[in-house]
Amino acid sequence: PDGMTTLVSNSLRSFSAIPPTSSVPGGTTGANADQSMPDSLSPEVALKAQDAMKLYIEHGVGKRKLEEIAAEKEKGETALVDRWQKMIQIYLQAQCHIISLLGYTPDDRGITLYTTHLQYALNLAPPEKSEQLRKSGRDTYR
């Protein structure tokens, strides 16, 4: 099993409870255990990462999981809060999968650093690219 096995659990709460795995700044786990995380993220790479997350959610395993949640809604099997938590979990799983390919750890530390780098990329990008990034992130989350 890889680092995603630990991350991909049945509970969003367990995701947030994952302890730090390294005292090294930047942290390392799983497939990235022998290297540190990236120092920055270019606007171009950020846009491609968001596109990959959207692809995973719209056409990959994420889509199938979202369809299962929609079926639960139709049957009235689960409460809104439970369905919402499952949808957030799917989004986080997609994000962890994609950012790990960029060298970030697939855990809360990797997501935090990726999000920080994404914000810097948004701030440093030309207005047109910044707007593309903002829209892409919004569309992926929706």
N, C-alpha and C. Protein backbone atom coordinates (compact mmCIF):
# COMPACT_ATOMS: atom_id res chain seq x y z
N PRO A 1 0.82 -1.19 0.00
CA PRO A 1 0.00 0.00 0.00
C PRO A 1 0.87 1.26 0.00
N ASP A 2 0.39 2.27 -0.64
CA ASP A 2 1.13 3.52 -0.70
C ASP A 2 0.57 4.52 0.31
N GLY A 3 1.07 5.76 0.29
CA GLY A 3 0.64 6.81 1.21
C GLY A 3 -0.82 7.17 1.05
N MET A 4 -1.38 6.96 -0.15
CA MET A 4 -2.78 7.29 -0.36
C MET A 4 -3.70 6.35 0.41
N THR A 5 -3.25 5.13 0.68
CA THR A 5 -4.09 4.19 1.41
C THR A 5 -4.42 4.76 2.78
N THR A 6 -3.43 5.36 3.43
CA THR A 6 -3.67 5.98 4.72
C THR A 6 -4.63 7.14 4.58
N LEU A 7 -4.45 7.92 3.54
CA LEU A 7 -5.25 9.11 3.34
C LEU A 7 -6.68 8.79 2.95
N VAL A 8 -6.84 7.81 2.08
CA VAL A 8 -8.15 7.48 1.56
C VAL A 8 -8.86 6.62 2.60
N SER A 9 -9.60 7.28 3.45
CA SER A 9 -10.33 6.56 4.48
C SER A 9 -11.80 6.86 4.35
N ASN A 10 -12.59 6.24 5.17
CA ASN A 10 -14.03 6.44 5.11
C ASN A 10 -14.48 7.69 5.83
N SER A 11 -13.58 8.43 6.40
CA SER A 11 -13.98 9.58 7.20
C SER A 11 -13.11 10.78 6.92
N LEU A 12 -13.75 11.91 6.68
CA LEU A 12 -13.02 13.16 6.50
C LEU A 12 -12.30 13.52 7.79
N ARG A 13 -12.91 13.19 8.91
CA ARG A 13 -12.32 13.48 10.20
C ARG A 13 -10.98 12.78 10.35
N SER A 14 -10.85 11.54 9.89
CA SER A 14 -9.60 10.82 10.01
C SER A 14 -8.53 11.46 9.12
N PHE A 15 -8.94 12.07 8.00
CA PHE A 15 -7.97 12.77 7.16
C PHE A 15 -7.32 13.90 7.94
N SER A 16 -8.14 14.68 8.66
CA SER A 16 -7.60 15.83 9.37
C SER A 16 -6.78 15.41 10.59
N ALA A 17 -6.89 14.15 10.99
CA ALA A 17 -6.18 13.68 12.16
C ALA A 17 -4.85 13.01 11.82
N ILE A 18 -4.46 13.00 10.55
CA ILE A 18 -3.20 12.38 10.16
C ILE A 18 -2.05 13.17 10.78
N PRO A 19 -1.21 12.52 11.59
CA PRO A 19 -0.12 13.24 12.23
C PRO A 19 0.99 13.56 11.24
N PRO A 20 1.77 14.63 11.51
CA PRO A 20 2.91 14.91 10.65
C PRO A 20 3.85 13.72 10.66
N THR A 21 4.45 13.43 9.52
CA THR A 21 5.29 12.24 9.42
C THR A 21 6.77 12.55 9.42
N SER A 22 7.12 13.82 9.44
CA SER A 22 8.53 14.16 9.40
C SER A 22 8.74 15.51 10.06
N SER A 23 9.85 15.66 10.73
CA SER A 23 10.16 16.96 11.32
C SER A 23 10.94 17.83 10.35
N VAL A 24 11.23 17.32 9.17
CA VAL A 24 11.94 18.08 8.16
C VAL A 24 11.00 19.12 7.56
N PRO A 25 11.41 20.40 7.48
CA PRO A 25 10.53 21.39 6.87
C PRO A 25 10.13 20.96 5.46
N GLY A 26 8.87 21.07 5.18
CA GLY A 26 8.36 20.63 3.88
C GLY A 26 7.79 19.22 3.97
N GLY A 27 8.30 18.42 4.90
CA GLY A 27 7.75 17.08 5.15
C GLY A 27 7.91 16.13 3.99
N THR A 28 7.92 14.85 4.30
CA THR A 28 8.00 13.84 3.26
C THR A 28 7.23 12.61 3.70
N THR A 29 6.54 11.97 2.77
CA THR A 29 5.84 10.72 3.04
C THR A 29 5.75 9.92 1.77
N GLY A 30 5.36 8.67 1.89
CA GLY A 30 5.04 7.81 0.76
C GLY A 30 6.04 7.86 -0.37
N ALA A 31 5.54 8.08 -1.58
CA ALA A 31 6.37 8.07 -2.78
C ALA A 31 7.40 9.18 -2.77
N ASN A 32 7.18 10.22 -1.98
CA ASN A 32 8.08 11.37 -1.96
C ASN A 32 9.02 11.34 -0.75
N ALA A 33 9.18 10.16 -0.12
CA ALA A 33 9.91 10.07 1.14
C ALA A 33 11.36 10.48 1.04
N ASP A 34 11.98 10.37 -0.12
CA ASP A 34 13.38 10.71 -0.22
C ASP A 34 13.63 12.07 -0.86
N GLN A 35 12.62 12.91 -0.97
CA GLN A 35 12.82 14.24 -1.52
C GLN A 35 11.89 15.21 -0.82
N SER A 36 12.28 16.49 -0.81
CA SER A 36 11.43 17.49 -0.17
C SER A 36 10.40 18.00 -1.16
N MET A 37 9.41 18.69 -0.63
CA MET A 37 8.34 19.21 -1.49
C MET A 37 8.83 20.42 -2.27
N PRO A 38 8.11 20.80 -3.32
CA PRO A 38 8.51 21.94 -4.15
C PRO A 38 8.57 23.24 -3.35
N ASP A 39 9.37 24.18 -3.86
CA ASP A 39 9.50 25.49 -3.22
C ASP A 39 8.50 26.49 -3.78
N SER A 40 7.94 26.20 -4.95
CA SER A 40 7.00 27.14 -5.56
C SER A 40 6.18 26.41 -6.62
N LEU A 41 5.24 27.15 -7.18
CA LEU A 41 4.35 26.61 -8.21
C LEU A 41 4.14 27.70 -9.24
N SER A 42 4.44 27.41 -10.49
CA SER A 42 4.23 28.43 -11.52
C SER A 42 2.74 28.48 -11.88
N PRO A 43 2.27 29.63 -12.37
CA PRO A 43 0.87 29.72 -12.78
C PRO A 43 0.48 28.67 -13.82
N GLU A 44 1.40 28.35 -14.73
CA GLU A 44 1.11 27.37 -15.78
C GLU A 44 0.91 25.97 -15.18
N VAL A 45 1.78 25.60 -14.26
CA VAL A 45 1.67 24.28 -13.63
C VAL A 45 0.42 24.24 -12.76
N ALA A 46 0.13 25.33 -12.06
CA ALA A 46 -1.08 25.39 -11.23
C ALA A 46 -2.33 25.19 -12.08
N LEU A 47 -2.37 25.80 -13.24
CA LEU A 47 -3.53 25.67 -14.12
C LEU A 47 -3.65 24.23 -14.63
N LYS A 48 -2.54 23.62 -14.99
CA LYS A 48 -2.57 22.23 -15.45
C LYS A 48 -2.99 21.29 -14.32
N ALA A 49 -2.54 21.55 -13.09
CA ALA A 49 -2.94 20.72 -11.95
C ALA A 49 -4.44 20.83 -11.73
N GLN A 50 -4.97 22.04 -11.82
CA GLN A 50 -6.41 22.22 -11.66
C GLN A 50 -7.18 21.52 -12.78
N ASP A 51 -6.65 21.58 -13.97
CA ASP A 51 -7.28 20.87 -15.09
C ASP A 51 -7.30 19.36 -14.85
N ALA A 52 -6.19 18.84 -14.32
CA ALA A 52 -6.10 17.40 -14.02
C ALA A 52 -7.10 17.01 -12.93
N MET A 53 -7.24 17.85 -11.91
CA MET A 53 -8.22 17.57 -10.85
C MET A 53 -9.64 17.56 -11.42
N LYS A 54 -9.91 18.51 -12.29
CA LYS A 54 -11.24 18.59 -12.91
C LYS A 54 -11.49 17.35 -13.77
N LEU A 55 -10.48 16.91 -14.52
CA LEU A 55 -10.60 15.72 -15.35
C LEU A 55 -10.92 14.50 -14.48
N TYR A 56 -10.21 14.35 -13.39
CA TYR A 56 -10.42 13.22 -12.46
C TYR A 56 -11.85 13.24 -11.91
N ILE A 57 -12.32 14.42 -11.53
CA ILE A 57 -13.65 14.54 -10.92
C ILE A 57 -14.77 14.41 -11.96
N GLU A 58 -14.56 14.91 -13.17
CA GLU A 58 -15.61 14.88 -14.19
C GLU A 58 -15.65 13.59 -15.00
N HIS A 59 -14.52 12.90 -15.11
CA HIS A 59 -14.47 11.73 -16.00
C HIS A 59 -13.84 10.49 -15.39
N GLY A 60 -13.26 10.61 -14.22
CA GLY A 60 -12.56 9.47 -13.63
C GLY A 60 -13.32 8.84 -12.49
N VAL A 61 -12.57 8.29 -11.57
CA VAL A 61 -13.13 7.63 -10.40
C VAL A 61 -13.99 8.60 -9.60
N GLY A 62 -13.58 9.85 -9.55
CA GLY A 62 -14.35 10.86 -8.83
C GLY A 62 -15.78 10.98 -9.34
N LYS A 63 -15.95 10.91 -10.65
CA LYS A 63 -17.29 10.99 -11.23
C LYS A 63 -18.16 9.83 -10.76
N ARG A 64 -17.60 8.65 -10.79
CA ARG A 64 -18.35 7.47 -10.36
C ARG A 64 -18.78 7.61 -8.90
N LYS A 65 -17.88 8.08 -8.07
CA LYS A 65 -18.18 8.25 -6.65
C LYS A 65 -19.25 9.33 -6.44
N LEU A 66 -19.17 10.40 -7.22
CA LEU A 66 -20.19 11.45 -7.11
C LEU A 66 -21.55 10.95 -7.58
N GLU A 67 -21.56 10.09 -8.60
CA GLU A 67 -22.82 9.50 -9.07
C GLU A 67 -23.43 8.61 -7.99
N GLU A 68 -22.59 7.91 -7.25
CA GLU A 68 -23.08 7.07 -6.15
C GLU A 68 -23.72 7.94 -5.07
N ILE A 69 -23.12 9.07 -4.79
CA ILE A 69 -23.69 10.00 -3.81
C ILE A 69 -25.02 10.54 -4.30
N ALA A 70 -25.10 10.87 -5.58
CA ALA A 70 -26.36 11.36 -6.15
C ALA A 70 -27.45 10.30 -6.05
N ALA A 71 -27.09 9.03 -6.25
CA ALA A 71 -28.06 7.94 -6.13
C ALA A 71 -28.55 7.82 -4.69
N GLU A 72 -27.65 8.03 -3.73
CA GLU A 72 -28.05 8.01 -2.32
C GLU A 72 -29.09 9.10 -2.05
N LYS A 73 -28.88 10.26 -2.67
CA LYS A 73 -29.82 11.37 -2.49
C LYS A 73 -31.19 10.99 -3.03
N GLU A 74 -31.20 10.39 -4.22
CA GLU A 74 -32.46 10.00 -4.84
C GLU A 74 -33.23 9.00 -3.98
N LYS A 75 -32.49 8.12 -3.33
CA LYS A 75 -33.13 7.10 -2.49
C LYS A 75 -33.45 7.63 -1.10
N GLY A 76 -32.93 8.83 -0.77
CA GLY A 76 -33.14 9.39 0.56
C GLY A 76 -32.40 8.63 1.65
N GLU A 77 -31.29 8.00 1.26
CA GLU A 77 -30.55 7.13 2.19
C GLU A 77 -29.66 7.89 3.16
N THR A 78 -29.15 9.04 2.76
CA THR A 78 -28.20 9.74 3.62
C THR A 78 -28.57 11.21 3.77
N ALA A 79 -28.17 11.76 4.88
CA ALA A 79 -28.43 13.17 5.18
C ALA A 79 -27.53 14.06 4.33
N LEU A 80 -27.95 15.29 4.15
CA LEU A 80 -27.20 16.26 3.37
C LEU A 80 -25.77 16.42 3.88
N VAL A 81 -25.59 16.51 5.19
CA VAL A 81 -24.26 16.70 5.77
C VAL A 81 -23.36 15.52 5.41
N ASP A 82 -23.90 14.31 5.48
CA ASP A 82 -23.10 13.13 5.14
C ASP A 82 -22.70 13.13 3.67
N ARG A 83 -23.64 13.50 2.80
CA ARG A 83 -23.33 13.57 1.36
C ARG A 83 -22.29 14.66 1.10
N TRP A 84 -22.44 15.80 1.74
CA TRP A 84 -21.48 16.90 1.55
C TRP A 84 -20.08 16.46 1.98
N GLN A 85 -19.98 15.78 3.13
CA GLN A 85 -18.67 15.31 3.60
C GLN A 85 -18.05 14.33 2.61
N LYS A 86 -18.86 13.46 2.04
CA LYS A 86 -18.36 12.51 1.04
C LYS A 86 -17.86 13.24 -0.20
N MET A 87 -18.58 14.30 -0.62
CA MET A 87 -18.15 15.06 -1.80
C MET A 87 -16.83 15.79 -1.53
N ILE A 88 -16.68 16.35 -0.34
CA ILE A 88 -15.42 17.01 0.02
C ILE A 88 -14.29 15.99 0.05
N GLN A 89 -14.57 14.81 0.55
CA GLN A 89 -13.56 13.76 0.59
C GLN A 89 -13.10 13.40 -0.83
N ILE A 90 -14.03 13.32 -1.76
CA ILE A 90 -13.68 13.03 -3.16
C ILE A 90 -12.79 14.13 -3.73
N TYR A 91 -13.14 15.38 -3.44
CA TYR A 91 -12.33 16.51 -3.90
C TYR A 91 -10.92 16.43 -3.32
N LEU A 92 -10.81 16.16 -2.02
CA LEU A 92 -9.50 16.08 -1.38
C LEU A 92 -8.69 14.91 -1.91
N GLN A 93 -9.34 13.79 -2.18
CA GLN A 93 -8.63 12.64 -2.74
C GLN A 93 -8.06 12.99 -4.11
N ALA A 94 -8.86 13.65 -4.93
CA ALA A 94 -8.37 14.06 -6.26
C ALA A 94 -7.21 15.02 -6.11
N GLN A 95 -7.35 15.99 -5.22
CA GLN A 95 -6.29 16.97 -5.02
C GLN A 95 -5.01 16.29 -4.54
N CYS A 96 -5.12 15.39 -3.56
CA CYS A 96 -3.93 14.69 -3.06
C CYS A 96 -3.26 13.86 -4.15
N HIS A 97 -4.07 13.20 -4.95
CA HIS A 97 -3.52 12.38 -6.04
C HIS A 97 -2.72 13.25 -7.01
N ILE A 98 -3.29 14.35 -7.42
CA ILE A 98 -2.64 15.22 -8.41
C ILE A 98 -1.42 15.92 -7.82
N ILE A 99 -1.54 16.49 -6.62
CA ILE A 99 -0.40 17.23 -6.07
C ILE A 99 0.77 16.30 -5.74
N SER A 100 0.47 15.03 -5.43
CA SER A 100 1.58 14.11 -5.16
C SER A 100 2.42 13.90 -6.41
N LEU A 101 1.81 13.99 -7.58
CA LEU A 101 2.55 13.86 -8.84
C LEU A 101 3.46 15.06 -9.08
N LEU A 102 3.18 16.16 -8.38
CA LEU A 102 4.01 17.37 -8.49
C LEU A 102 5.08 17.43 -7.41
N GLY A 103 5.10 16.42 -6.52
CA GLY A 103 6.12 16.37 -5.48
C GLY A 103 5.64 16.75 -4.10
N TYR A 104 4.38 17.14 -3.98
CA TYR A 104 3.82 17.45 -2.67
C TYR A 104 3.41 16.14 -1.99
N THR A 105 3.41 16.12 -0.68
CA THR A 105 2.98 14.92 0.02
C THR A 105 1.46 14.83 -0.02
N PRO A 106 0.91 13.62 -0.13
CA PRO A 106 -0.55 13.45 -0.22
C PRO A 106 -1.20 13.45 1.17
N ASP A 107 -1.03 14.56 1.89
CA ASP A 107 -1.60 14.69 3.23
C ASP A 107 -1.93 16.15 3.48
N ASP A 108 -2.32 16.45 4.71
CA ASP A 108 -2.72 17.82 5.02
C ASP A 108 -1.57 18.81 4.85
N ARG A 109 -0.35 18.38 5.11
CA ARG A 109 0.80 19.28 4.94
C ARG A 109 1.03 19.59 3.47
N GLY A 110 0.91 18.58 2.62
CA GLY A 110 1.07 18.80 1.18
C GLY A 110 -0.02 19.71 0.62
N ILE A 111 -1.26 19.48 1.05
CA ILE A 111 -2.37 20.33 0.60
C ILE A 111 -2.16 21.76 1.05
N THR A 112 -1.72 21.94 2.30
CA THR A 112 -1.49 23.29 2.82
C THR A 112 -0.41 24.01 2.02
N LEU A 113 0.70 23.31 1.76
CA LEU A 113 1.79 23.94 1.01
C LEU A 113 1.37 24.20 -0.44
N TYR A 114 0.69 23.25 -1.05
CA TYR A 114 0.19 23.44 -2.42
C TYR A 114 -0.74 24.66 -2.49
N THR A 115 -1.66 24.77 -1.52
CA THR A 115 -2.60 25.88 -1.50
C THR A 115 -1.87 27.21 -1.32
N THR A 116 -0.85 27.23 -0.48
CA THR A 116 -0.04 28.44 -0.30
C THR A 116 0.66 28.81 -1.61
N HIS A 117 1.26 27.82 -2.26
CA HIS A 117 1.94 28.07 -3.54
C HIS A 117 0.94 28.51 -4.61
N LEU A 118 -0.26 27.92 -4.59
CA LEU A 118 -1.29 28.30 -5.55
C LEU A 118 -1.68 29.76 -5.35
N GLN A 119 -1.80 30.19 -4.10
CA GLN A 119 -2.15 31.59 -3.82
C GLN A 119 -1.05 32.52 -4.32
N TYR A 120 0.20 32.16 -4.10
CA TYR A 120 1.31 32.97 -4.63
C TYR A 120 1.27 33.01 -6.15
N ALA A 121 1.00 31.88 -6.77
CA ALA A 121 0.92 31.84 -8.24
C ALA A 121 -0.19 32.76 -8.74
N LEU A 122 -1.33 32.75 -8.04
CA LEU A 122 -2.43 33.65 -8.40
C LEU A 122 -2.01 35.10 -8.29
N ASN A 123 -1.29 35.44 -7.23
CA ASN A 123 -0.87 36.82 -7.00
C ASN A 123 0.19 37.29 -7.98
N LEU A 124 1.04 36.37 -8.43
CA LEU A 124 2.15 36.74 -9.31
C LEU A 124 1.80 36.65 -10.80
N ALA A 125 0.74 35.97 -11.11
CA ALA A 125 0.37 35.77 -12.52
C ALA A 125 -0.17 37.05 -13.13
N PRO A 126 -0.01 37.20 -14.45
CA PRO A 126 -0.65 38.33 -15.13
C PRO A 126 -2.16 38.25 -14.93
N PRO A 127 -2.87 39.36 -15.03
CA PRO A 127 -4.31 39.37 -14.76
C PRO A 127 -5.11 38.30 -15.52
N GLU A 128 -4.79 38.08 -16.79
CA GLU A 128 -5.54 37.09 -17.58
C GLU A 128 -5.33 35.68 -17.02
N LYS A 129 -4.08 35.35 -16.72
CA LYS A 129 -3.75 34.02 -16.19
C LYS A 129 -4.32 33.86 -14.78
N SER A 130 -4.27 34.92 -14.00
CA SER A 130 -4.83 34.87 -12.65
C SER A 130 -6.33 34.60 -12.68
N GLU A 131 -7.02 35.23 -13.62
CA GLU A 131 -8.46 35.01 -13.77
C GLU A 131 -8.73 33.58 -14.22
N GLN A 132 -7.90 33.05 -15.12
CA GLN A 132 -8.03 31.65 -15.55
C GLN A 132 -7.89 30.70 -14.36
N LEU A 133 -6.88 30.95 -13.53
CA LEU A 133 -6.65 30.12 -12.36
C LEU A 133 -7.83 30.19 -11.39
N ARG A 134 -8.32 31.39 -11.16
CA ARG A 134 -9.44 31.57 -10.24
C ARG A 134 -10.67 30.82 -10.74
N LYS A 135 -10.98 30.98 -12.01
CA LYS A 135 -12.15 30.31 -12.60
C LYS A 135 -11.98 28.79 -12.61
N SER A 136 -10.79 28.32 -12.93
CA SER A 136 -10.53 26.89 -12.98
C SER A 136 -10.70 26.27 -11.60
N GLY A 137 -10.17 26.94 -10.57
CA GLY A 137 -10.33 26.44 -9.21
C GLY A 137 -11.77 26.41 -8.78
N ARG A 138 -12.50 27.47 -9.12
CA ARG A 138 -13.92 27.54 -8.79
C ARG A 138 -14.70 26.43 -9.50
N ASP A 139 -14.46 26.24 -10.77
CA ASP A 139 -15.18 25.23 -11.56
C ASP A 139 -14.86 23.81 -11.06
N THR A 140 -13.63 23.57 -10.68
CA THR A 140 -13.25 22.25 -10.18
C THR A 140 -13.97 21.95 -8.89
N TYR A 141 -14.05 22.92 -8.00
CA TYR A 141 -14.69 22.72 -6.71
C TYR A 141 -16.20 22.53 -6.85
N ARG A 142 -16.79 23.20 -7.83
CA ARG A 142 -18.24 23.07 -8.02
C ARG A 142 -18.56 21.70 -8.52
